[in-house]
Amino acid sequence: MARRLTALDRLKQRILEQEAGQHPRLRAMLEDEYEKAAAEIERFKQRLAAEEVEVDPFTEARWAELKRLCAEVKKIWHAPTTTDLDRKQLIRMLVEKIVIDTVEPERIGLSILWADGRPRKQLELLRSPYFHRLIWEWHLEDVCPRVMVERLEGMGARTQQANAWSVDTVKRTLAILVKRARVSAIAGGKEAPPARLQPWQVMIELDAAGLGAEEIAARLNARGLLTRFRAPWSASSVQRVLRQRQN
């Protein structure tokens, strides 16, 4: 706008310089240019006056709503409109890095370091050999495959291909385990895979790692390590066993 007005002033000056009557044709040409420039500036002013000012869509209320929605990460993650690409971007925004602490045949221990500086979160990923051993132990207890599938589903267990366990998958796994046990027995080895850790052993290990009784109980139940009455562990029962082991 300022540049346009400056150009107009220059035109005025040039016209004034010709008022003495010199070069009438040039003066007429300059006057014509002046009128065109003046008309263009007037149209520009009218357009600016008629143009509505765009309202900022992010009002205080909308910002507050956006913050509330962003805080519900789980809902965003599981929303049907969230794509795999969106989930990858969420991970990049929320997670600084993932550190693998331990790698064992049956489990992997890892820690998540958050980008916002929150305390790290420790996780334990159970691997296929862990579920194979559970299936074998349940088989020795005469548990049918259908019940095994229900137990595995309750634990959130997945196969090596990240699929949910089915009756057919359990049966195929059992057939392989039975064949291995027979071969091991013929060779003079043990009939079954090694016995799993007792719950109190896991309690002592997790207690030494600084976990509370409630978290220990949740991890025991997630592993399928129930009490001797086949009931889930509670924080009070974990505390009772730990006191007994310390005495």
C-alpha atoms as a PDB file:
ATOM      1  CA  MET A   1       0.000   0.000   0.000  1.00  0.00           C
ATOM      2  CA  ALA A   2       2.789   2.412   0.931  1.00  0.00           C
ATOM      3  CA  ARG A   3       4.622   1.605  -2.293  1.00  0.00           C
ATOM      4  CA  ARG A   4       1.483   2.339  -4.324  1.00  0.00           C
ATOM      5  CA  LEU A   5       1.034   5.739  -2.633  1.00  0.00           C
ATOM      6  CA  THR A   6       4.697   6.606  -3.219  1.00  0.00           C
ATOM      7  CA  ALA A   7       4.300   5.856  -6.914  1.00  0.00           C
ATOM      8  CA  LEU A   8       1.221   8.088  -7.006  1.00  0.00           C
ATOM      9  CA  ASP A   9       3.145  10.950  -5.432  1.00  0.00           C
ATOM     10  CA  ARG A  10       5.822  10.600  -8.067  1.00  0.00           C
ATOM     11  CA  LEU A  11       3.183  10.811 -10.785  1.00  0.00           C
ATOM     12  CA  LYS A  12       1.806  13.972  -9.224  1.00  0.00           C
ATOM     13  CA  GLN A  13       5.265  15.518  -9.174  1.00  0.00           C
ATOM     14  CA  ARG A  14       5.876  14.676 -12.793  1.00  0.00           C
ATOM     15  CA  ILE A  15       2.538  16.227 -13.773  1.00  0.00           C
ATOM     16  CA  LEU A  16       3.309  19.412 -11.843  1.00  0.00           C
ATOM     17  CA  GLU A  17       6.615  19.699 -13.641  1.00  0.00           C
ATOM     18  CA  GLN A  18       4.762  19.828 -16.942  1.00  0.00           C
ATOM     19  CA  GLU A  19       2.227  22.505 -15.923  1.00  0.00           C
ATOM     20  CA  ALA A  20       4.228  25.122 -17.750  1.00  0.00           C
ATOM     21  CA  GLY A  21       2.731  23.796 -20.977  1.00  0.00           C
ATOM     22  CA  GLN A  22       5.750  21.866 -22.144  1.00  0.00           C
ATOM     23  CA  HIS A  23       5.120  18.507 -23.811  1.00  0.00           C
ATOM     24  CA  PRO A  24       1.284  18.458 -23.741  1.00  0.00           C
ATOM     25  CA  ARG A  25       1.114  14.915 -25.063  1.00  0.00           C
ATOM     26  CA  LEU A  26       3.374  13.701 -22.261  1.00  0.00           C
ATOM     27  CA  ARG A  27       1.224  15.565 -19.762  1.00  0.00           C
ATOM     28  CA  ALA A  28      -1.915  13.871 -21.072  1.00  0.00           C
ATOM     29  CA  MET A  29      -0.239  10.493 -20.847  1.00  0.00           C
ATOM     30  CA  LEU A  30       0.830  11.136 -17.242  1.00  0.00           C
ATOM     31  CA  GLU A  31      -2.646  12.297 -16.285  1.00  0.00           C
ATOM     32  CA  ASP A  32      -4.066   9.101 -17.721  1.00  0.00           C
ATOM     33  CA  GLU A  33      -1.586   7.060 -15.721  1.00  0.00           C
ATOM     34  CA  TYR A  34      -2.500   9.026 -12.617  1.00  0.00           C
ATOM     35  CA  GLU A  35      -6.211   8.348 -13.070  1.00  0.00           C
ATOM     36  CA  LYS A  36      -5.571   4.626 -13.559  1.00  0.00           C
ATOM     37  CA  ALA A  37      -3.370   4.465 -10.462  1.00  0.00           C
ATOM     38  CA  ALA A  38      -5.932   6.412  -8.414  1.00  0.00           C
ATOM     39  CA  ALA A  39      -8.732   4.081  -9.555  1.00  0.00           C
ATOM     40  CA  GLU A  40      -6.664   1.022  -8.695  1.00  0.00           C
ATOM     41  CA  ILE A  41      -5.914   2.374  -5.217  1.00  0.00           C
ATOM     42  CA  GLU A  42      -9.598   3.102  -4.652  1.00  0.00           C
ATOM     43  CA  ARG A  43     -10.577  -0.426  -5.644  1.00  0.00           C
ATOM     44  CA  PHE A  44      -7.892  -1.750  -3.280  1.00  0.00           C
ATOM     45  CA  LYS A  45      -9.305   0.343  -0.402  1.00  0.00           C
ATOM     46  CA  GLN A  46     -12.843  -0.878  -1.087  1.00  0.00           C
ATOM     47  CA  ARG A  47     -11.683  -4.476  -1.159  1.00  0.00           C
ATOM     48  CA  LEU A  48      -9.902  -4.053   2.191  1.00  0.00           C
ATOM     49  CA  ALA A  49     -12.978  -2.431   3.733  1.00  0.00           C
ATOM     50  CA  ALA A  50     -15.315  -5.164   2.487  1.00  0.00           C
ATOM     51  CA  GLU A  51     -13.044  -8.016   3.473  1.00  0.00           C
ATOM     52  CA  GLU A  52     -14.084  -9.688   6.751  1.00  0.00           C
ATOM     53  CA  VAL A  53     -11.444 -10.235   9.363  1.00  0.00           C
ATOM     54  CA  GLU A  54     -10.846 -13.991   9.789  1.00  0.00           C
ATOM     55  CA  VAL A  55     -11.713 -15.172  13.282  1.00  0.00           C
ATOM     56  CA  ASP A  56      -9.070 -17.245  15.051  1.00  0.00           C
ATOM     57  CA  PRO A  57     -10.675 -20.720  15.466  1.00  0.00           C
ATOM     58  CA  PHE A  58      -8.550 -21.508  18.548  1.00  0.00           C
ATOM     59  CA  THR A  59     -10.380 -19.677  21.287  1.00  0.00           C
ATOM     60  CA  GLU A  60      -9.536 -20.245  24.940  1.00  0.00           C
ATOM     61  CA  ALA A  61     -12.355 -22.781  25.220  1.00  0.00           C
ATOM     62  CA  ARG A  62     -11.169 -24.698  22.160  1.00  0.00           C
ATOM     63  CA  TRP A  63      -7.572 -24.722  23.402  1.00  0.00           C
ATOM     64  CA  ALA A  64      -8.787 -26.134  26.731  1.00  0.00           C
ATOM     65  CA  GLU A  65     -10.789 -28.824  24.915  1.00  0.00           C
ATOM     66  CA  LEU A  66      -7.778 -29.698  22.717  1.00  0.00           C
ATOM     67  CA  LYS A  67      -5.534 -30.071  25.783  1.00  0.00           C
ATOM     68  CA  ARG A  68      -8.131 -32.311  27.439  1.00  0.00           C
ATOM     69  CA  LEU A  69      -8.402 -34.534  24.371  1.00  0.00           C
ATOM     70  CA  CYS A  70      -4.619 -34.781  23.965  1.00  0.00           C
ATOM     71  CA  ALA A  71      -4.298 -35.898  27.588  1.00  0.00           C
ATOM     72  CA  GLU A  72      -6.437 -38.987  26.828  1.00  0.00           C
ATOM     73  CA  VAL A  73      -3.707 -40.785  24.895  1.00  0.00           C
ATOM     74  CA  LYS A  74      -5.271 -44.241  25.294  1.00  0.00           C
ATOM     75  CA  LYS A  75      -8.529 -43.113  23.683  1.00  0.00           C
ATOM     76  CA  ILE A  76      -6.612 -41.529  20.811  1.00  0.00           C
ATOM     77  CA  TRP A  77      -4.517 -44.697  20.389  1.00  0.00           C
ATOM     78  CA  HIS A  78      -7.537 -47.035  20.262  1.00  0.00           C
ATOM     79  CA  ALA A  79      -9.824 -44.715  18.275  1.00  0.00           C
ATOM     80  CA  PRO A  80     -11.031 -46.316  15.011  1.00  0.00           C
ATOM     81  CA  THR A  81      -9.940 -43.193  13.106  1.00  0.00           C
ATOM     82  CA  THR A  82      -6.329 -43.480  14.322  1.00  0.00           C
ATOM     83  CA  THR A  83      -4.094 -45.082  11.690  1.00  0.00           C
ATOM     84  CA  ASP A  84      -0.844 -46.981  12.230  1.00  0.00           C
ATOM     85  CA  LEU A  85       1.024 -43.917  10.953  1.00  0.00           C
ATOM     86  CA  ASP A  86      -0.732 -41.786  13.582  1.00  0.00           C
ATOM     87  CA  ARG A  87       0.325 -44.248  16.296  1.00  0.00           C
ATOM     88  CA  LYS A  88       3.948 -44.089  15.150  1.00  0.00           C
ATOM     89  CA  GLN A  89       3.831 -40.305  15.368  1.00  0.00           C
ATOM     90  CA  LEU A  90       2.339 -40.538  18.866  1.00  0.00           C
ATOM     91  CA  ILE A  91       5.213 -42.776  19.954  1.00  0.00           C
ATOM     92  CA  ARG A  92       7.765 -40.316  18.535  1.00  0.00           C
ATOM     93  CA  MET A  93       6.141 -37.457  20.461  1.00  0.00           C
ATOM     94  CA  LEU A  94       5.706 -39.263  23.791  1.00  0.00           C
ATOM     95  CA  VAL A  95       8.717 -41.578  24.018  1.00  0.00           C
ATOM     96  CA  GLU A  96      12.332 -40.429  24.114  1.00  0.00           C
ATOM     97  CA  LYS A  97      13.761 -43.954  23.938  1.00  0.00           C
ATOM     98  CA  ILE A  98      13.182 -47.564  25.017  1.00  0.00           C
ATOM     99  CA  VAL A  99      15.941 -49.328  26.927  1.00  0.00           C
ATOM    100  CA  ILE A 100      16.138 -53.138  27.010  1.00  0.00           C
ATOM    101  CA  ASP A 101      17.241 -54.101  30.527  1.00  0.00           C
ATOM    102  CA  THR A 102      17.200 -57.903  30.424  1.00  0.00           C
ATOM    103  CA  VAL A 103      16.702 -60.617  27.815  1.00  0.00           C
ATOM    104  CA  GLU A 104      15.786 -64.102  29.018  1.00  0.00           C
ATOM    105  CA  PRO A 105      14.387 -67.148  27.202  1.00  0.00           C
ATOM    106  CA  GLU A 106      10.916 -66.524  28.620  1.00  0.00           C
ATOM    107  CA  ARG A 107      10.784 -62.754  29.095  1.00  0.00           C
ATOM    108  CA  ILE A 108      12.266 -59.400  28.121  1.00  0.00           C
ATOM    109  CA  GLY A 109      12.567 -56.554  30.611  1.00  0.00           C
ATOM    110  CA  LEU A 110      12.556 -53.022  29.255  1.00  0.00           C
ATOM    111  CA  SER A 111      12.171 -49.419  30.386  1.00  0.00           C
ATOM    112  CA  ILE A 112      10.361 -46.572  28.643  1.00  0.00           C
ATOM    113  CA  LEU A 113      11.935 -43.109  28.972  1.00  0.00           C
ATOM    114  CA  TRP A 114       9.265 -40.456  28.409  1.00  0.00           C
ATOM    115  CA  ALA A 115       9.941 -37.308  26.408  1.00  0.00           C
ATOM    116  CA  ASP A 116       8.355 -35.046  29.043  1.00  0.00           C
ATOM    117  CA  GLY A 117      10.688 -36.242  31.804  1.00  0.00           C
ATOM    118  CA  ARG A 118       8.191 -38.378  33.720  1.00  0.00           C
ATOM    119  CA  PRO A 119       9.610 -41.301  35.732  1.00  0.00           C
ATOM    120  CA  ARG A 120      10.557 -44.235  33.530  1.00  0.00           C
ATOM    121  CA  LYS A 121       8.087 -47.088  33.189  1.00  0.00           C
ATOM    122  CA  GLN A 122       9.340 -50.651  33.499  1.00  0.00           C
ATOM    123  CA  LEU A 123       7.637 -53.347  31.445  1.00  0.00           C
ATOM    124  CA  GLU A 124       8.014 -57.082  31.071  1.00  0.00           C
ATOM    125  CA  LEU A 125       7.260 -58.780  27.768  1.00  0.00           C
ATOM    126  CA  LEU A 126       6.504 -62.485  28.030  1.00  0.00           C
ATOM    127  CA  ARG A 127       7.872 -64.538  25.148  1.00  0.00           C
ATOM    128  CA  SER A 128       6.465 -67.645  23.475  1.00  0.00           C
ATOM    129  CA  PRO A 129       8.490 -70.163  25.574  1.00  0.00           C
ATOM    130  CA  TYR A 130       6.765 -68.833  28.685  1.00  0.00           C
ATOM    131  CA  PHE A 131       3.314 -69.599  27.289  1.00  0.00           C
ATOM    132  CA  HIS A 132       4.521 -72.946  25.947  1.00  0.00           C
ATOM    133  CA  ARG A 133       5.567 -73.916  29.463  1.00  0.00           C
ATOM    134  CA  LEU A 134       2.226 -72.832  30.896  1.00  0.00           C
ATOM    135  CA  ILE A 135       0.418 -74.907  28.281  1.00  0.00           C
ATOM    136  CA  TRP A 136       2.556 -77.925  29.198  1.00  0.00           C
ATOM    137  CA  GLU A 137       1.913 -77.513  32.915  1.00  0.00           C
ATOM    138  CA  TRP A 138      -1.815 -77.137  32.331  1.00  0.00           C
ATOM    139  CA  HIS A 139      -1.681 -80.237  30.160  1.00  0.00           C
ATOM    140  CA  LEU A 140      -0.146 -82.166  33.067  1.00  0.00           C
ATOM    141  CA  GLU A 141      -3.026 -80.894  35.223  1.00  0.00           C
ATOM    142  CA  ASP A 142      -5.542 -82.280  32.650  1.00  0.00           C
ATOM    143  CA  VAL A 143      -6.759 -78.827  31.653  1.00  0.00           C
ATOM    144  CA  CYS A 144      -8.584 -78.956  28.316  1.00  0.00           C
ATOM    145  CA  PRO A 145      -7.431 -76.758  25.388  1.00  0.00           C
ATOM    146  CA  ARG A 146     -10.568 -74.619  25.512  1.00  0.00           C
ATOM    147  CA  VAL A 147      -9.876 -73.612  29.122  1.00  0.00           C
ATOM    148  CA  MET A 148      -6.228 -73.000  28.217  1.00  0.00           C
ATOM    149  CA  VAL A 149      -7.322 -70.573  25.515  1.00  0.00           C
ATOM    150  CA  GLU A 150      -9.552 -68.749  28.024  1.00  0.00           C
ATOM    151  CA  ARG A 151      -6.660 -68.436  30.474  1.00  0.00           C
ATOM    152  CA  LEU A 152      -4.273 -67.235  27.793  1.00  0.00           C
ATOM    153  CA  GLU A 153      -6.814 -64.706  26.582  1.00  0.00           C
ATOM    154  CA  GLY A 154      -7.270 -63.422  30.129  1.00  0.00           C
ATOM    155  CA  MET A 155      -3.513 -62.855  30.330  1.00  0.00           C
ATOM    156  CA  GLY A 156      -3.458 -60.998  27.011  1.00  0.00           C
ATOM    157  CA  ALA A 157      -1.121 -63.653  25.616  1.00  0.00           C
ATOM    158  CA  ARG A 158      -0.177 -63.716  21.938  1.00  0.00           C
ATOM    159  CA  THR A 159       1.536 -66.262  19.731  1.00  0.00           C
ATOM    160  CA  GLN A 160       4.939 -65.699  18.160  1.00  0.00           C
ATOM    161  CA  GLN A 161       3.106 -64.237  15.150  1.00  0.00           C
ATOM    162  CA  ALA A 162       1.284 -61.770  17.489  1.00  0.00           C
ATOM    163  CA  ASN A 163      -2.042 -63.574  16.987  1.00  0.00           C
ATOM    164  CA  ALA A 164      -4.539 -64.540  19.676  1.00  0.00           C
ATOM    165  CA  TRP A 165      -4.347 -68.155  20.847  1.00  0.00           C
ATOM    166  CA  SER A 166      -6.999 -70.529  19.541  1.00  0.00           C
ATOM    167  CA  VAL A 167      -7.911 -74.114  20.367  1.00  0.00           C
ATOM    168  CA  ASP A 168      -6.202 -75.339  17.191  1.00  0.00           C
ATOM    169  CA  THR A 169      -3.019 -73.388  18.001  1.00  0.00           C
ATOM    170  CA  VAL A 170      -2.942 -74.826  21.521  1.00  0.00           C
ATOM    171  CA  LYS A 171      -3.418 -78.349  20.188  1.00  0.00           C
ATOM    172  CA  ARG A 172      -0.603 -77.936  17.664  1.00  0.00           C
ATOM    173  CA  THR A 173       1.672 -76.544  20.376  1.00  0.00           C
ATOM    174  CA  LEU A 174       0.804 -79.441  22.694  1.00  0.00           C
ATOM    175  CA  ALA A 175       1.595 -81.953  19.970  1.00  0.00           C
ATOM    176  CA  ILE A 176       5.049 -80.428  19.535  1.00  0.00           C
ATOM    177  CA  LEU A 177       5.656 -80.338  23.305  1.00  0.00           C
ATOM    178  CA  VAL A 178       4.536 -83.961  23.755  1.00  0.00           C
ATOM    179  CA  LYS A 179       6.851 -85.050  20.943  1.00  0.00           C
ATOM    180  CA  ARG A 180       9.768 -83.189  22.536  1.00  0.00           C
ATOM    181  CA  ALA A 181       9.038 -84.740  25.938  1.00  0.00           C
ATOM    182  CA  ARG A 182       9.007 -88.235  24.419  1.00  0.00           C
ATOM    183  CA  VAL A 183      12.290 -87.647  22.622  1.00  0.00           C
ATOM    184  CA  SER A 184      13.790 -86.251  25.838  1.00  0.00           C
ATOM    185  CA  ALA A 185      12.550 -89.249  27.848  1.00  0.00           C
ATOM    186  CA  ILE A 186      14.017 -91.709  25.334  1.00  0.00           C
ATOM    187  CA  ALA A 187      17.330 -89.852  25.511  1.00  0.00           C
ATOM    188  CA  GLY A 188      17.283 -90.067  29.295  1.00  0.00           C
ATOM    189  CA  GLY A 189      16.397 -86.427  29.881  1.00  0.00           C
ATOM    190  CA  LYS A 190      13.539 -84.864  31.806  1.00  0.00           C
ATOM    191  CA  GLU A 191      10.017 -85.561  30.727  1.00  0.00           C
ATOM    192  CA  ALA A 192       8.783 -81.989  31.018  1.00  0.00           C
ATOM    193  CA  PRO A 193      10.222 -78.499  30.649  1.00  0.00           C
ATOM    194  CA  PRO A 194      11.828 -77.005  33.774  1.00  0.00           C
ATOM    195  CA  ALA A 195       9.417 -76.071  36.525  1.00  0.00           C
ATOM    196  CA  ARG A 196       8.529 -72.421  36.615  1.00  0.00           C
ATOM    197  CA  LEU A 197       9.483 -70.094  39.443  1.00  0.00           C
ATOM    198  CA  GLN A 198       7.398 -70.222  42.571  1.00  0.00           C
ATOM    199  CA  PRO A 199       5.325 -67.087  43.303  1.00  0.00           C
ATOM    200  CA  TRP A 200       7.322 -66.242  46.426  1.00  0.00           C
ATOM    201  CA  GLN A 201      10.549 -66.267  44.373  1.00  0.00           C
ATOM    202  CA  VAL A 202       9.076 -63.755  41.956  1.00  0.00           C
ATOM    203  CA  MET A 203       7.812 -61.653  44.888  1.00  0.00           C
ATOM    204  CA  ILE A 204      11.270 -61.408  46.428  1.00  0.00           C
ATOM    205  CA  GLU A 205      12.794 -60.464  43.073  1.00  0.00           C
ATOM    206  CA  LEU A 206      10.220 -57.736  42.371  1.00  0.00           C
ATOM    207  CA  ASP A 207      10.315 -56.479  45.962  1.00  0.00           C
ATOM    208  CA  ALA A 208      14.091 -56.076  45.677  1.00  0.00           C
ATOM    209  CA  ALA A 209      13.513 -54.062  42.490  1.00  0.00           C
ATOM    210  CA  GLY A 210      11.454 -51.576  44.534  1.00  0.00           C
ATOM    211  CA  LEU A 211       7.950 -52.507  43.349  1.00  0.00           C
ATOM    212  CA  GLY A 212       5.003 -52.149  45.703  1.00  0.00           C
ATOM    213  CA  ALA A 213       2.762 -54.998  46.833  1.00  0.00           C
ATOM    214  CA  GLU A 214      -0.085 -53.950  44.520  1.00  0.00           C
ATOM    215  CA  GLU A 215       2.185 -53.920  41.446  1.00  0.00           C
ATOM    216  CA  ILE A 216       3.733 -57.256  42.463  1.00  0.00           C
ATOM    217  CA  ALA A 217       0.275 -58.813  42.756  1.00  0.00           C
ATOM    218  CA  ALA A 218      -0.688 -57.486  39.318  1.00  0.00           C
ATOM    219  CA  ARG A 219       2.448 -58.959  37.735  1.00  0.00           C
ATOM    220  CA  LEU A 220       1.960 -62.343  39.403  1.00  0.00           C
ATOM    221  CA  ASN A 221      -1.619 -62.510  38.138  1.00  0.00           C
ATOM    222  CA  ALA A 222      -0.519 -61.430  34.651  1.00  0.00           C
ATOM    223  CA  ARG A 223       1.988 -64.303  34.601  1.00  0.00           C
ATOM    224  CA  GLY A 224      -0.674 -66.787  35.646  1.00  0.00           C
ATOM    225  CA  LEU A 225       1.061 -67.434  38.986  1.00  0.00           C
ATOM    226  CA  LEU A 226      -1.948 -67.851  41.236  1.00  0.00           C
ATOM    227  CA  THR A 227      -2.150 -68.693  44.937  1.00  0.00           C
ATOM    228  CA  ARG A 228      -2.260 -72.296  46.141  1.00  0.00           C
ATOM    229  CA  PHE A 229      -6.060 -71.939  46.160  1.00  0.00           C
ATOM    230  CA  ARG A 230      -5.948 -71.017  42.446  1.00  0.00           C
ATOM    231  CA  ALA A 231      -7.067 -67.487  43.303  1.00  0.00           C
ATOM    232  CA  PRO A 232      -5.552 -64.186  42.104  1.00  0.00           C
ATOM    233  CA  TRP A 233      -3.037 -62.449  44.334  1.00  0.00           C
ATOM    234  CA  SER A 234      -3.898 -59.290  46.264  1.00  0.00           C
ATOM    235  CA  ALA A 235      -1.623 -56.677  47.811  1.00  0.00           C
ATOM    236  CA  SER A 236      -2.356 -57.961  51.337  1.00  0.00           C
ATOM    237  CA  SER A 237      -1.570 -61.577  50.442  1.00  0.00           C
ATOM    238  CA  VAL A 238       1.710 -60.488  48.815  1.00  0.00           C
ATOM    239  CA  GLN A 239       2.674 -58.553  51.941  1.00  0.00           C
ATOM    240  CA  ARG A 240       1.871 -61.554  54.116  1.00  0.00           C
ATOM    241  CA  VAL A 241       4.073 -63.904  52.069  1.00  0.00           C
ATOM    242  CA  LEU A 242       6.941 -61.407  52.006  1.00  0.00           C
ATOM    243  CA  ARG A 243       6.800 -61.051  55.810  1.00  0.00           C
ATOM    244  CA  GLN A 244       6.861 -64.840  56.192  1.00  0.00           C
ATOM    245  CA  ARG A 245       9.898 -65.125  53.924  1.00  0.00           C
ATOM    246  CA  GLN A 246      11.752 -62.389  55.777  1.00  0.00           C
ATOM    247  CA  ASN A 247      11.301 -64.097  59.159  1.00  0.00           C
END
